[in-house]
Amino acid sequence: MERYQATIKQLNAMVDDGVVPGMTYLIFDGRREWTATRGWAALKPSREKLRPGMVYDLASLTKVVGTVPVVAMLLQEGRLHLDDPVQQYLPEFGDPRPTIRNLLTHTSGIHGYIPHRNELPADQLVTAFLTQQTVDSTLNRQIRYADVNYLYLGWIVERVCGQPVQEVITQRVLKPLGMTTATFNPNPADAVPTELQTKRGLIRGQVHDPKGYILGARCGCAGLFAGLSDLATFSRQLIENRLGGLLNTELVDAMFVDQTRIPGPHSRSLGWKLLHDRGDGHLLISHTGFTGTWLILDRQTDQGFIVLSNRVHPTAANQEYLDRRDQLYATYLREKAE
């Protein structure tokens, strides 16, 4: 019996049932691969067929495909250390307690409301994030996923490297790995549209995330576009080849174990969420993107699950997608262990 039948059936149903306009996916198991491109790139203002090779707004996959590898390289070079205070690099930030480790693992406790956030120009938005956020009692006590952690990491990279984080990602990750479709500035004709909004119109070839839209190259939490082939390259290089030799074994190992300072085992490594294999319980890494993207990678068994969709088209109000994604995770994890 062919592997992953139930997973593929559920993937196809997401398109057939209109939960997503279209999708491109790859399941790999060693050298074996199952892949397809199905459905529509756009439904509004007119229907457009999804073409193989189109690039997707990866949303928060930017964190683990771009920002985490760059931070890992700086850790490897001794230019950053996991338990350095954030304030050491961003002195405008008022609390000396959160560390780079806290940012990477979403255990910083940093939060706060910024009035009219999406109307501020980039410089004012950066200043607001650095001066108007506070640290609450969840510091080192709770994992609370938040983009602010990766905005801070991006600005730390900028301070250390002297370039905006997205330029550093391009030079130090995308180009060395030969990720030729991966870019922060795609040709709109090659990009799968995301949301149709009253203010911005049809968003195509520009980042969907409002903070990323304002911050441009200074955003470490979103903004990367890529096609399936480049995510496959990244995924295989990470779990098979220490990211093309860019990272040492110690840093890759660190992505597959709990890196929080919370007592007991928890589900966050350096950037990645940790999942348990249904067979022997070894740890896998995963991440999702708001626009309808996800990665699950297993270094021990050389398996991976990459899905790209534009579930926010024409509207981001799509709870059924989240329910179906959870079901797909469970089905895939069961089938990969069989």
C-alpha atoms as a PDB file:
ATOM      1  CA  MET A   1       0.000   0.000   0.000  1.00  0.00           C
ATOM      2  CA  GLU A   2       1.363   3.406  -1.011  1.00  0.00           C
ATOM      3  CA  ARG A   3       2.511   5.541   1.901  1.00  0.00           C
ATOM      4  CA  TYR A   4       0.791   8.765   2.981  1.00  0.00           C
ATOM      5  CA  GLN A   5      -2.527   7.965   1.279  1.00  0.00           C
ATOM      6  CA  ALA A   6      -4.618   9.468   4.085  1.00  0.00           C
ATOM      7  CA  THR A   7      -2.413  12.571   4.278  1.00  0.00           C
ATOM      8  CA  ILE A   8      -2.625  13.164   0.522  1.00  0.00           C
ATOM      9  CA  LYS A   9      -6.379  12.571   0.552  1.00  0.00           C
ATOM     10  CA  GLN A  10      -6.806  15.241   3.227  1.00  0.00           C
ATOM     11  CA  LEU A  11      -4.535  17.660   1.346  1.00  0.00           C
ATOM     12  CA  ASN A  12      -6.598  17.221  -1.818  1.00  0.00           C
ATOM     13  CA  ALA A  13      -9.816  17.684   0.143  1.00  0.00           C
ATOM     14  CA  MET A  14      -8.658  21.087   1.388  1.00  0.00           C
ATOM     15  CA  VAL A  15      -8.569  22.248  -2.246  1.00  0.00           C
ATOM     16  CA  ASP A  16     -11.675  20.345  -3.393  1.00  0.00           C
ATOM     17  CA  ASP A  17     -13.717  21.678  -0.459  1.00  0.00           C
ATOM     18  CA  GLY A  18     -12.581  25.263  -1.019  1.00  0.00           C
ATOM     19  CA  VAL A  19     -10.758  25.525   2.303  1.00  0.00           C
ATOM     20  CA  VAL A  20      -7.773  26.881   0.353  1.00  0.00           C
ATOM     21  CA  PRO A  21      -7.836  28.164  -3.245  1.00  0.00           C
ATOM     22  CA  GLY A  22      -4.867  25.984  -4.144  1.00  0.00           C
ATOM     23  CA  MET A  23      -1.747  24.385  -2.751  1.00  0.00           C
ATOM     24  CA  THR A  24       1.664  23.033  -3.565  1.00  0.00           C
ATOM     25  CA  TYR A  25       3.051  20.308  -1.338  1.00  0.00           C
ATOM     26  CA  LEU A  26       5.951  17.929  -0.946  1.00  0.00           C
ATOM     27  CA  ILE A  27       6.254  14.917   1.329  1.00  0.00           C
ATOM     28  CA  PHE A  28       9.719  13.369   1.301  1.00  0.00           C
ATOM     29  CA  ASP A  29      10.922  10.171   2.864  1.00  0.00           C
ATOM     30  CA  GLY A  30      14.627   9.761   2.182  1.00  0.00           C
ATOM     31  CA  ARG A  31      14.915   9.891  -1.605  1.00  0.00           C
ATOM     32  CA  ARG A  32      11.221   9.162  -2.205  1.00  0.00           C
ATOM     33  CA  GLU A  33       8.947  12.131  -2.842  1.00  0.00           C
ATOM     34  CA  TRP A  34       5.215  12.779  -3.191  1.00  0.00           C
ATOM     35  CA  THR A  35       4.405  16.187  -4.642  1.00  0.00           C
ATOM     36  CA  ALA A  36       1.599  18.036  -6.414  1.00  0.00           C
ATOM     37  CA  THR A  37       0.348  21.495  -7.372  1.00  0.00           C
ATOM     38  CA  ARG A  38      -3.446  21.838  -7.376  1.00  0.00           C
ATOM     39  CA  GLY A  39      -6.132  24.465  -7.566  1.00  0.00           C
ATOM     40  CA  TRP A  40      -6.172  28.210  -8.050  1.00  0.00           C
ATOM     41  CA  ALA A  41      -3.627  30.955  -7.430  1.00  0.00           C
ATOM     42  CA  ALA A  42      -6.426  33.532  -7.296  1.00  0.00           C
ATOM     43  CA  LEU A  43     -10.212  33.534  -7.036  1.00  0.00           C
ATOM     44  CA  LYS A  44     -10.713  37.319  -7.054  1.00  0.00           C
ATOM     45  CA  PRO A  45     -10.859  39.636  -8.893  1.00  0.00           C
ATOM     46  CA  SER A  46     -10.731  36.777 -11.420  1.00  0.00           C
ATOM     47  CA  ARG A  47      -9.744  33.132 -11.338  1.00  0.00           C
ATOM     48  CA  GLU A  48      -6.134  32.307 -12.113  1.00  0.00           C
ATOM     49  CA  LYS A  49      -4.780  28.781 -12.287  1.00  0.00           C
ATOM     50  CA  LEU A  50      -1.993  27.900  -9.852  1.00  0.00           C
ATOM     51  CA  ARG A  51       1.214  27.207 -11.760  1.00  0.00           C
ATOM     52  CA  PRO A  52       4.136  25.063 -10.572  1.00  0.00           C
ATOM     53  CA  GLY A  53       7.024  27.270  -9.530  1.00  0.00           C
ATOM     54  CA  MET A  54       4.977  30.200  -8.252  1.00  0.00           C
ATOM     55  CA  VAL A  55       6.266  31.792  -5.057  1.00  0.00           C
ATOM     56  CA  TYR A  56       4.276  32.113  -1.850  1.00  0.00           C
ATOM     57  CA  ASP A  57       4.351  34.627   0.973  1.00  0.00           C
ATOM     58  CA  LEU A  58       5.916  32.383   3.632  1.00  0.00           C
ATOM     59  CA  ALA A  59       4.795  34.632   6.514  1.00  0.00           C
ATOM     60  CA  SER A  60       6.309  33.303   9.770  1.00  0.00           C
ATOM     61  CA  LEU A  61       8.345  30.629   8.029  1.00  0.00           C
ATOM     62  CA  THR A  62      10.624  33.651   7.496  1.00  0.00           C
ATOM     63  CA  LYS A  63      11.573  33.224  11.154  1.00  0.00           C
ATOM     64  CA  VAL A  64      12.989  29.710  10.798  1.00  0.00           C
ATOM     65  CA  VAL A  65      14.164  29.808   7.163  1.00  0.00           C
ATOM     66  CA  GLY A  66      15.856  33.207   7.475  1.00  0.00           C
ATOM     67  CA  THR A  67      16.253  34.776  10.895  1.00  0.00           C
ATOM     68  CA  VAL A  68      17.067  31.646  12.924  1.00  0.00           C
ATOM     69  CA  PRO A  69      19.881  30.482  10.603  1.00  0.00           C
ATOM     70  CA  VAL A  70      21.455  33.956  10.657  1.00  0.00           C
ATOM     71  CA  VAL A  71      21.257  34.148  14.459  1.00  0.00           C
ATOM     72  CA  ALA A  72      22.714  30.615  14.636  1.00  0.00           C
ATOM     73  CA  MET A  73      25.661  31.684  12.483  1.00  0.00           C
ATOM     74  CA  LEU A  74      26.296  34.681  14.742  1.00  0.00           C
ATOM     75  CA  LEU A  75      26.152  32.398  17.792  1.00  0.00           C
ATOM     76  CA  GLN A  76      28.601  30.068  16.061  1.00  0.00           C
ATOM     77  CA  GLU A  77      30.957  32.982  15.368  1.00  0.00           C
ATOM     78  CA  GLY A  78      30.797  34.192  18.978  1.00  0.00           C
ATOM     79  CA  ARG A  79      29.241  37.509  17.934  1.00  0.00           C
ATOM     80  CA  LEU A  80      26.130  36.661  19.971  1.00  0.00           C
ATOM     81  CA  HIS A  81      25.550  34.374  22.955  1.00  0.00           C
ATOM     82  CA  LEU A  82      22.253  32.736  23.854  1.00  0.00           C
ATOM     83  CA  ASP A  83      22.069  34.221  27.328  1.00  0.00           C
ATOM     84  CA  ASP A  84      23.151  37.740  26.395  1.00  0.00           C
ATOM     85  CA  PRO A  85      20.572  40.314  27.524  1.00  0.00           C
ATOM     86  CA  VAL A  86      18.526  41.845  24.714  1.00  0.00           C
ATOM     87  CA  GLN A  87      19.402  45.234  26.221  1.00  0.00           C
ATOM     88  CA  GLN A  88      23.091  44.646  25.430  1.00  0.00           C
ATOM     89  CA  TYR A  89      22.288  45.089  21.726  1.00  0.00           C
ATOM     90  CA  LEU A  90      19.120  47.180  21.943  1.00  0.00           C
ATOM     91  CA  PRO A  91      19.818  49.605  24.817  1.00  0.00           C
ATOM     92  CA  GLU A  92      16.567  51.477  24.115  1.00  0.00           C
ATOM     93  CA  PHE A  93      14.703  48.460  25.501  1.00  0.00           C
ATOM     94  CA  GLY A  94      14.017  49.149  29.161  1.00  0.00           C
ATOM     95  CA  ASP A  95      14.217  45.727  30.817  1.00  0.00           C
ATOM     96  CA  PRO A  96      17.572  43.971  31.452  1.00  0.00           C
ATOM     97  CA  ARG A  97      16.089  40.503  32.011  1.00  0.00           C
ATOM     98  CA  PRO A  98      15.046  38.984  28.648  1.00  0.00           C
ATOM     99  CA  THR A  99      17.811  37.285  26.681  1.00  0.00           C
ATOM    100  CA  ILE A 100      18.383  36.204  23.099  1.00  0.00           C
ATOM    101  CA  ARG A 101      17.367  32.699  24.209  1.00  0.00           C
ATOM    102  CA  ASN A 102      14.050  34.119  25.420  1.00  0.00           C
ATOM    103  CA  LEU A 103      13.444  35.740  22.033  1.00  0.00           C
ATOM    104  CA  LEU A 104      14.253  32.545  20.129  1.00  0.00           C
ATOM    105  CA  THR A 105      11.999  30.394  22.329  1.00  0.00           C
ATOM    106  CA  HIS A 106       9.120  32.881  22.762  1.00  0.00           C
ATOM    107  CA  THR A 107       9.619  32.926  26.536  1.00  0.00           C
ATOM    108  CA  SER A 108      10.506  36.630  26.826  1.00  0.00           C
ATOM    109  CA  GLY A 109       7.256  37.868  28.359  1.00  0.00           C
ATOM    110  CA  ILE A 110       7.547  40.935  26.108  1.00  0.00           C
ATOM    111  CA  HIS A 111       4.228  42.434  25.096  1.00  0.00           C
ATOM    112  CA  GLY A 112       2.296  45.662  24.933  1.00  0.00           C
ATOM    113  CA  TYR A 113      -0.236  47.584  22.920  1.00  0.00           C
ATOM    114  CA  ILE A 114       1.005  50.177  20.422  1.00  0.00           C
ATOM    115  CA  PRO A 115      -1.788  52.576  19.403  1.00  0.00           C
ATOM    116  CA  HIS A 116      -2.262  53.000  15.633  1.00  0.00           C
ATOM    117  CA  ARG A 117       0.580  50.532  15.084  1.00  0.00           C
ATOM    118  CA  ASN A 118      -0.226  49.861  11.439  1.00  0.00           C
ATOM    119  CA  GLU A 119      -0.275  53.566  10.586  1.00  0.00           C
ATOM    120  CA  LEU A 120       3.192  54.417  11.933  1.00  0.00           C
ATOM    121  CA  PRO A 121       6.183  54.907   9.603  1.00  0.00           C
ATOM    122  CA  ALA A 122       9.035  52.414   9.969  1.00  0.00           C
ATOM    123  CA  ASP A 123      11.337  54.449  12.250  1.00  0.00           C
ATOM    124  CA  GLN A 124       8.490  55.321  14.614  1.00  0.00           C
ATOM    125  CA  LEU A 125       7.300  51.710  14.662  1.00  0.00           C
ATOM    126  CA  VAL A 126      10.770  50.471  15.627  1.00  0.00           C
ATOM    127  CA  THR A 127      11.022  53.085  18.384  1.00  0.00           C
ATOM    128  CA  ALA A 128       7.551  52.199  19.663  1.00  0.00           C
ATOM    129  CA  PHE A 129       8.362  48.491  19.840  1.00  0.00           C
ATOM    130  CA  LEU A 130      11.631  49.144  21.675  1.00  0.00           C
ATOM    131  CA  THR A 131      10.297  51.685  24.164  1.00  0.00           C
ATOM    132  CA  GLN A 132       6.606  50.869  24.719  1.00  0.00           C
ATOM    133  CA  GLN A 133       6.804  47.120  25.391  1.00  0.00           C
ATOM    134  CA  THR A 134       6.935  45.666  28.903  1.00  0.00           C
ATOM    135  CA  VAL A 135       7.902  42.291  30.384  1.00  0.00           C
ATOM    136  CA  ASP A 136       5.287  40.406  32.368  1.00  0.00           C
ATOM    137  CA  SER A 137       5.368  37.451  34.755  1.00  0.00           C
ATOM    138  CA  THR A 138       5.474  34.881  31.927  1.00  0.00           C
ATOM    139  CA  LEU A 139       9.231  35.505  31.433  1.00  0.00           C
ATOM    140  CA  ASN A 140      10.911  32.070  31.617  1.00  0.00           C
ATOM    141  CA  ARG A 141       7.602  30.623  32.828  1.00  0.00           C
ATOM    142  CA  GLN A 142       5.448  30.332  29.713  1.00  0.00           C
ATOM    143  CA  ILE A 143       5.850  29.965  25.948  1.00  0.00           C
ATOM    144  CA  ARG A 144       3.830  32.736  24.322  1.00  0.00           C
ATOM    145  CA  TYR A 145       4.387  32.880  20.587  1.00  0.00           C
ATOM    146  CA  ALA A 146       4.749  36.496  19.453  1.00  0.00           C
ATOM    147  CA  ASP A 147       6.213  38.266  16.429  1.00  0.00           C
ATOM    148  CA  VAL A 148       7.810  40.905  18.658  1.00  0.00           C
ATOM    149  CA  ASN A 149      10.507  38.398  19.629  1.00  0.00           C
ATOM    150  CA  TYR A 150      11.646  38.087  16.025  1.00  0.00           C
ATOM    151  CA  LEU A 151      11.379  41.796  15.354  1.00  0.00           C
ATOM    152  CA  TYR A 152      13.874  42.255  18.191  1.00  0.00           C
ATOM    153  CA  LEU A 153      16.096  39.469  16.824  1.00  0.00           C
ATOM    154  CA  GLY A 154      16.055  41.157  13.421  1.00  0.00           C
ATOM    155  CA  TRP A 155      17.148  44.464  14.932  1.00  0.00           C
ATOM    156  CA  ILE A 156      19.880  42.711  16.921  1.00  0.00           C
ATOM    157  CA  VAL A 157      21.166  41.154  13.678  1.00  0.00           C
ATOM    158  CA  GLU A 158      21.068  44.635  12.130  1.00  0.00           C
ATOM    159  CA  ARG A 159      23.121  46.126  14.988  1.00  0.00           C
ATOM    160  CA  VAL A 160      25.712  43.325  14.858  1.00  0.00           C
ATOM    161  CA  CYS A 161      26.025  43.070  11.062  1.00  0.00           C
ATOM    162  CA  GLY A 162      25.447  46.694  10.076  1.00  0.00           C
ATOM    163  CA  GLN A 163      22.777  45.739   7.517  1.00  0.00           C
ATOM    164  CA  PRO A 164      19.012  45.207   7.647  1.00  0.00           C
ATOM    165  CA  VAL A 165      18.160  41.642   8.616  1.00  0.00           C
ATOM    166  CA  GLN A 166      16.578  40.756   5.282  1.00  0.00           C
ATOM    167  CA  GLU A 167      19.765  41.748   3.450  1.00  0.00           C
ATOM    168  CA  VAL A 168      21.786  39.576   5.841  1.00  0.00           C
ATOM    169  CA  ILE A 169      19.423  36.633   5.247  1.00  0.00           C
ATOM    170  CA  THR A 170      19.797  37.032   1.480  1.00  0.00           C
ATOM    171  CA  GLN A 171      23.596  37.139   1.633  1.00  0.00           C
ATOM    172  CA  ARG A 172      24.157  34.488   4.296  1.00  0.00           C
ATOM    173  CA  VAL A 173      21.339  31.967   3.736  1.00  0.00           C
ATOM    174  CA  LEU A 174      19.518  32.280   0.416  1.00  0.00           C
ATOM    175  CA  LYS A 175      22.510  32.810  -1.877  1.00  0.00           C
ATOM    176  CA  PRO A 176      24.862  30.193  -0.336  1.00  0.00           C
ATOM    177  CA  LEU A 177      22.112  27.549  -0.472  1.00  0.00           C
ATOM    178  CA  GLY A 178      21.262  28.405  -4.077  1.00  0.00           C
ATOM    179  CA  MET A 179      17.655  29.266  -3.189  1.00  0.00           C
ATOM    180  CA  THR A 180      17.042  31.032  -6.491  1.00  0.00           C
ATOM    181  CA  THR A 181      13.298  31.692  -6.145  1.00  0.00           C
ATOM    182  CA  ALA A 182      13.530  32.854  -2.530  1.00  0.00           C
ATOM    183  CA  THR A 183      13.338  36.632  -2.288  1.00  0.00           C
ATOM    184  CA  PHE A 184      11.940  39.516  -0.291  1.00  0.00           C
ATOM    185  CA  ASN A 185      11.040  41.364  -3.506  1.00  0.00           C
ATOM    186  CA  PRO A 186       9.245  38.963  -5.862  1.00  0.00           C
ATOM    187  CA  ASN A 187       7.882  39.688  -9.298  1.00  0.00           C
ATOM    188  CA  PRO A 188       4.146  40.072  -8.589  1.00  0.00           C
ATOM    189  CA  ALA A 189       3.274  37.979 -11.653  1.00  0.00           C
ATOM    190  CA  ASP A 190       5.130  35.020 -10.105  1.00  0.00           C
ATOM    191  CA  ALA A 191       3.642  35.461  -6.628  1.00  0.00           C
ATOM    192  CA  VAL A 192       0.496  33.784  -5.361  1.00  0.00           C
ATOM    193  CA  PRO A 193      -1.903  36.512  -4.144  1.00  0.00           C
ATOM    194  CA  THR A 194      -2.918  36.693  -0.504  1.00  0.00           C
ATOM    195  CA  GLU A 195      -5.733  38.801   0.899  1.00  0.00           C
ATOM    196  CA  LEU A 196      -8.086  41.183  -0.878  1.00  0.00           C
ATOM    197  CA  GLN A 197      -8.277  44.115   1.545  1.00  0.00           C
ATOM    198  CA  THR A 198     -10.247  47.340   1.478  1.00  0.00           C
ATOM    199  CA  LYS A 199      -7.173  49.466   2.172  1.00  0.00           C
ATOM    200  CA  ARG A 200      -4.440  47.669   0.215  1.00  0.00           C
ATOM    201  CA  GLY A 201      -6.528  46.023  -2.497  1.00  0.00           C
ATOM    202  CA  LEU A 202      -5.337  42.627  -3.730  1.00  0.00           C
ATOM    203  CA  ILE A 203      -2.020  41.942  -1.989  1.00  0.00           C
ATOM    204  CA  ARG A 204       0.299  40.330  -4.500  1.00  0.00           C
ATOM    205  CA  GLY A 205       4.083  40.290  -4.406  1.00  0.00           C
ATOM    206  CA  GLN A 206       4.072  42.365  -1.212  1.00  0.00           C
ATOM    207  CA  VAL A 207       4.222  40.957   2.282  1.00  0.00           C
ATOM    208  CA  HIS A 208       0.803  40.358   3.842  1.00  0.00           C
ATOM    209  CA  ASP A 209       1.947  40.981   7.421  1.00  0.00           C
ATOM    210  CA  PRO A 210       1.242  44.657   8.290  1.00  0.00           C
ATOM    211  CA  LYS A 211       4.413  45.045  10.383  1.00  0.00           C
ATOM    212  CA  GLY A 212       6.480  43.542   7.591  1.00  0.00           C
ATOM    213  CA  TYR A 213       4.805  45.856   5.084  1.00  0.00           C
ATOM    214  CA  ILE A 214       5.852  48.917   7.104  1.00  0.00           C
ATOM    215  CA  LEU A 215       9.319  47.739   8.145  1.00  0.00           C
ATOM    216  CA  GLY A 216      10.447  46.315   4.811  1.00  0.00           C
ATOM    217  CA  ALA A 217      14.025  45.007   4.986  1.00  0.00           C
ATOM    218  CA  ARG A 218      14.107  45.612   8.755  1.00  0.00           C
ATOM    219  CA  CYS A 219      11.552  42.867   9.526  1.00  0.00           C
ATOM    220  CA  GLY A 220      12.783  39.542  10.916  1.00  0.00           C
ATOM    221  CA  CYS A 221       9.394  37.922  11.495  1.00  0.00           C
ATOM    222  CA  ALA A 222       7.888  37.896   7.971  1.00  0.00           C
ATOM    223  CA  GLY A 223       8.534  38.998   4.389  1.00  0.00           C
ATOM    224  CA  LEU A 224      10.199  36.068   2.646  1.00  0.00           C
ATOM    225  CA  PHE A 225       8.676  34.620  -0.535  1.00  0.00           C
ATOM    226  CA  ALA A 226       9.735  31.262  -1.994  1.00  0.00           C
ATOM    227  CA  GLY A 227       8.588  28.390  -4.146  1.00  0.00           C
ATOM    228  CA  LEU A 228       8.406  24.739  -3.201  1.00  0.00           C
ATOM    229  CA  SER A 229      11.760  23.842  -4.739  1.00  0.00           C
ATOM    230  CA  ASP A 230      13.637  26.263  -2.505  1.00  0.00           C
ATOM    231  CA  LEU A 231      11.858  25.148   0.648  1.00  0.00           C
ATOM    232  CA  ALA A 232      12.749  21.573  -0.299  1.00  0.00           C
ATOM    233  CA  THR A 233      16.383  22.648  -0.723  1.00  0.00           C
ATOM    234  CA  PHE A 234      16.388  24.392   2.652  1.00  0.00           C
ATOM    235  CA  SER A 235      14.678  21.498   4.427  1.00  0.00           C
ATOM    236  CA  ARG A 236      16.947  18.791   3.083  1.00  0.00           C
ATOM    237  CA  GLN A 237      20.096  20.834   3.613  1.00  0.00           C
ATOM    238  CA  LEU A 238      19.112  21.544   7.217  1.00  0.00           C
ATOM    239  CA  ILE A 239      18.411  17.940   8.228  1.00  0.00           C
ATOM    240  CA  GLU A 240      20.875  16.165   5.922  1.00  0.00           C
ATOM    241  CA  ASN A 241      23.838  18.500   5.612  1.00  0.00           C
ATOM    242  CA  ARG A 242      23.992  21.037   8.482  1.00  0.00           C
ATOM    243  CA  LEU A 243      22.396  23.648   6.216  1.00  0.00           C
ATOM    244  CA  GLY A 244      24.885  23.107   3.433  1.00  0.00           C
ATOM    245  CA  GLY A 245      27.739  23.225   5.946  1.00  0.00           C
ATOM    246  CA  LEU A 246      26.797  26.739   7.076  1.00  0.00           C
ATOM    247  CA  LEU A 247      26.182  25.489  10.624  1.00  0.00           C
ATOM    248  CA  ASN A 248      28.140  23.206  12.906  1.00  0.00           C
ATOM    249  CA  THR A 249      26.667  20.079  14.448  1.00  0.00           C
ATOM    250  CA  GLU A 250      26.181  21.750  17.822  1.00  0.00           C
ATOM    251  CA  LEU A 251      23.918  24.465  16.418  1.00  0.00           C
ATOM    252  CA  VAL A 252      21.810  22.040  14.389  1.00  0.00           C
ATOM    253  CA  ASP A 253      21.533  19.747  17.424  1.00  0.00           C
ATOM    254  CA  ALA A 254      20.282  22.749  19.411  1.00  0.00           C
ATOM    255  CA  MET A 255      17.311  23.065  17.048  1.00  0.00           C
ATOM    256  CA  PHE A 256      16.097  19.587  17.994  1.00  0.00           C
ATOM    257  CA  VAL A 257      16.046  19.910  21.798  1.00  0.00           C
ATOM    258  CA  ASP A 258      14.128  22.077  24.258  1.00  0.00           C
ATOM    259  CA  GLN A 259      15.959  25.377  24.680  1.00  0.00           C
ATOM    260  CA  THR A 260      13.661  27.058  27.195  1.00  0.00           C
ATOM    261  CA  ARG A 261      14.618  27.821  30.780  1.00  0.00           C
ATOM    262  CA  ILE A 262      11.236  26.578  32.000  1.00  0.00           C
ATOM    263  CA  PRO A 263      11.515  23.551  34.331  1.00  0.00           C
ATOM    264  CA  GLY A 264      10.611  20.255  32.667  1.00  0.00           C
ATOM    265  CA  PRO A 265      10.448  19.395  28.949  1.00  0.00           C
ATOM    266  CA  HIS A 266       8.846  21.980  26.670  1.00  0.00           C
ATOM    267  CA  SER A 267       8.105  22.397  22.995  1.00  0.00           C
ATOM    268  CA  ARG A 268      10.440  25.166  21.822  1.00  0.00           C
ATOM    269  CA  SER A 269      13.967  24.891  20.478  1.00  0.00           C
ATOM    270  CA  LEU A 270      15.932  27.613  18.680  1.00  0.00           C
ATOM    271  CA  GLY A 271      13.000  29.050  16.762  1.00  0.00           C
ATOM    272  CA  TRP A 272      11.215  25.791  16.043  1.00  0.00           C
ATOM    273  CA  LYS A 273       8.268  24.093  17.690  1.00  0.00           C
ATOM    274  CA  LEU A 274       9.069  20.545  18.790  1.00  0.00           C
ATOM    275  CA  LEU A 275       6.829  17.566  18.012  1.00  0.00           C
ATOM    276  CA  HIS A 276       7.175  13.948  19.119  1.00  0.00           C
ATOM    277  CA  ASP A 277       7.501  11.078  16.670  1.00  0.00           C
ATOM    278  CA  ARG A 278       4.583   8.660  17.065  1.00  0.00           C
ATOM    279  CA  GLY A 279       6.978   5.704  16.994  1.00  0.00           C
ATOM    280  CA  ASP A 280       9.882   6.066  19.418  1.00  0.00           C
ATOM    281  CA  GLY A 281       9.103   9.614  20.585  1.00  0.00           C
ATOM    282  CA  HIS A 282      12.184  11.328  19.157  1.00  0.00           C
ATOM    283  CA  LEU A 283      11.797  15.053  18.460  1.00  0.00           C
ATOM    284  CA  LEU A 284      10.831  16.659  15.150  1.00  0.00           C
ATOM    285  CA  ILE A 285      10.757  20.353  14.321  1.00  0.00           C
ATOM    286  CA  SER A 286       7.852  22.270  12.811  1.00  0.00           C
ATOM    287  CA  HIS A 287       6.654  25.774  12.056  1.00  0.00           C
ATOM    288  CA  THR A 288       3.625  27.403  10.465  1.00  0.00           C
ATOM    289  CA  GLY A 289       2.940  30.636   8.610  1.00  0.00           C
ATOM    290  CA  PHE A 290      -0.214  32.738   8.905  1.00  0.00           C
ATOM    291  CA  THR A 291      -0.744  32.810   5.127  1.00  0.00           C
ATOM    292  CA  GLY A 292      -1.184  29.022   4.944  1.00  0.00           C
ATOM    293  CA  THR A 293       2.291  27.503   4.995  1.00  0.00           C
ATOM    294  CA  TRP A 294       3.990  24.877   7.129  1.00  0.00           C
ATOM    295  CA  LEU A 295       7.064  22.685   7.557  1.00  0.00           C
ATOM    296  CA  ILE A 296       7.587  19.487   9.563  1.00  0.00           C
ATOM    297  CA  LEU A 297      11.125  18.061   9.489  1.00  0.00           C
ATOM    298  CA  ASP A 298      12.586  14.887  10.991  1.00  0.00           C
ATOM    299  CA  ARG A 299      16.381  14.764  10.957  1.00  0.00           C
ATOM    300  CA  GLN A 300      16.586  11.271  12.478  1.00  0.00           C
ATOM    301  CA  THR A 301      14.514   9.605   9.744  1.00  0.00           C
ATOM    302  CA  ASP A 302      15.165  12.072   6.868  1.00  0.00           C
ATOM    303  CA  GLN A 303      11.468  12.849   6.428  1.00  0.00           C
ATOM    304  CA  GLY A 304       9.700  16.100   5.731  1.00  0.00           C
ATOM    305  CA  PHE A 305       6.299  17.626   5.007  1.00  0.00           C
ATOM    306  CA  ILE A 306       6.139  20.997   3.210  1.00  0.00           C
ATOM    307  CA  VAL A 307       2.838  22.678   2.393  1.00  0.00           C
ATOM    308  CA  LEU A 308       2.326  26.034   0.690  1.00  0.00           C
ATOM    309  CA  SER A 309      -1.139  27.527   0.329  1.00  0.00           C
ATOM    310  CA  ASN A 310      -2.714  30.984   0.259  1.00  0.00           C
ATOM    311  CA  ARG A 311      -5.449  30.243   2.763  1.00  0.00           C
ATOM    312  CA  VAL A 312      -5.866  34.002   3.406  1.00  0.00           C
ATOM    313  CA  HIS A 313      -7.197  34.556  -0.138  1.00  0.00           C
ATOM    314  CA  PRO A 314      -9.563  36.225  -0.598  1.00  0.00           C
ATOM    315  CA  THR A 315     -10.057  36.673   3.171  1.00  0.00           C
ATOM    316  CA  ALA A 316      -8.044  35.747   6.269  1.00  0.00           C
ATOM    317  CA  ALA A 317     -11.225  34.735   8.129  1.00  0.00           C
ATOM    318  CA  ASN A 318     -10.745  30.992   7.680  1.00  0.00           C
ATOM    319  CA  GLN A 319     -11.111  28.940  10.872  1.00  0.00           C
ATOM    320  CA  GLU A 320     -11.781  25.731   8.953  1.00  0.00           C
ATOM    321  CA  TYR A 321      -8.262  25.868   7.549  1.00  0.00           C
ATOM    322  CA  LEU A 322      -6.813  25.834  11.078  1.00  0.00           C
ATOM    323  CA  ASP A 323      -8.970  22.848  12.038  1.00  0.00           C
ATOM    324  CA  ARG A 324      -7.983  20.942   8.900  1.00  0.00           C
ATOM    325  CA  ARG A 325      -4.303  21.768   9.417  1.00  0.00           C
ATOM    326  CA  ASP A 326      -4.425  20.262  12.904  1.00  0.00           C
ATOM    327  CA  GLN A 327      -6.033  17.111  11.473  1.00  0.00           C
ATOM    328  CA  LEU A 328      -3.366  16.921   8.762  1.00  0.00           C
ATOM    329  CA  TYR A 329      -0.570  17.189  11.302  1.00  0.00           C
ATOM    330  CA  ALA A 330      -2.038  14.260  13.221  1.00  0.00           C
ATOM    331  CA  THR A 331      -2.585  12.150  10.096  1.00  0.00           C
ATOM    332  CA  TYR A 332       0.895  12.822   8.748  1.00  0.00           C
ATOM    333  CA  LEU A 333       2.609  12.069  12.066  1.00  0.00           C
ATOM    334  CA  ARG A 334       0.711   8.790  12.273  1.00  0.00           C
ATOM    335  CA  GLU A 335       1.510   7.748   8.689  1.00  0.00           C
ATOM    336  CA  LYS A 336       5.184   8.735   8.797  1.00  0.00           C
ATOM    337  CA  ALA A 337       5.727   6.442  11.781  1.00  0.00           C
ATOM    338  CA  GLU A 338       4.033   3.417  10.196  1.00  0.00           C
END
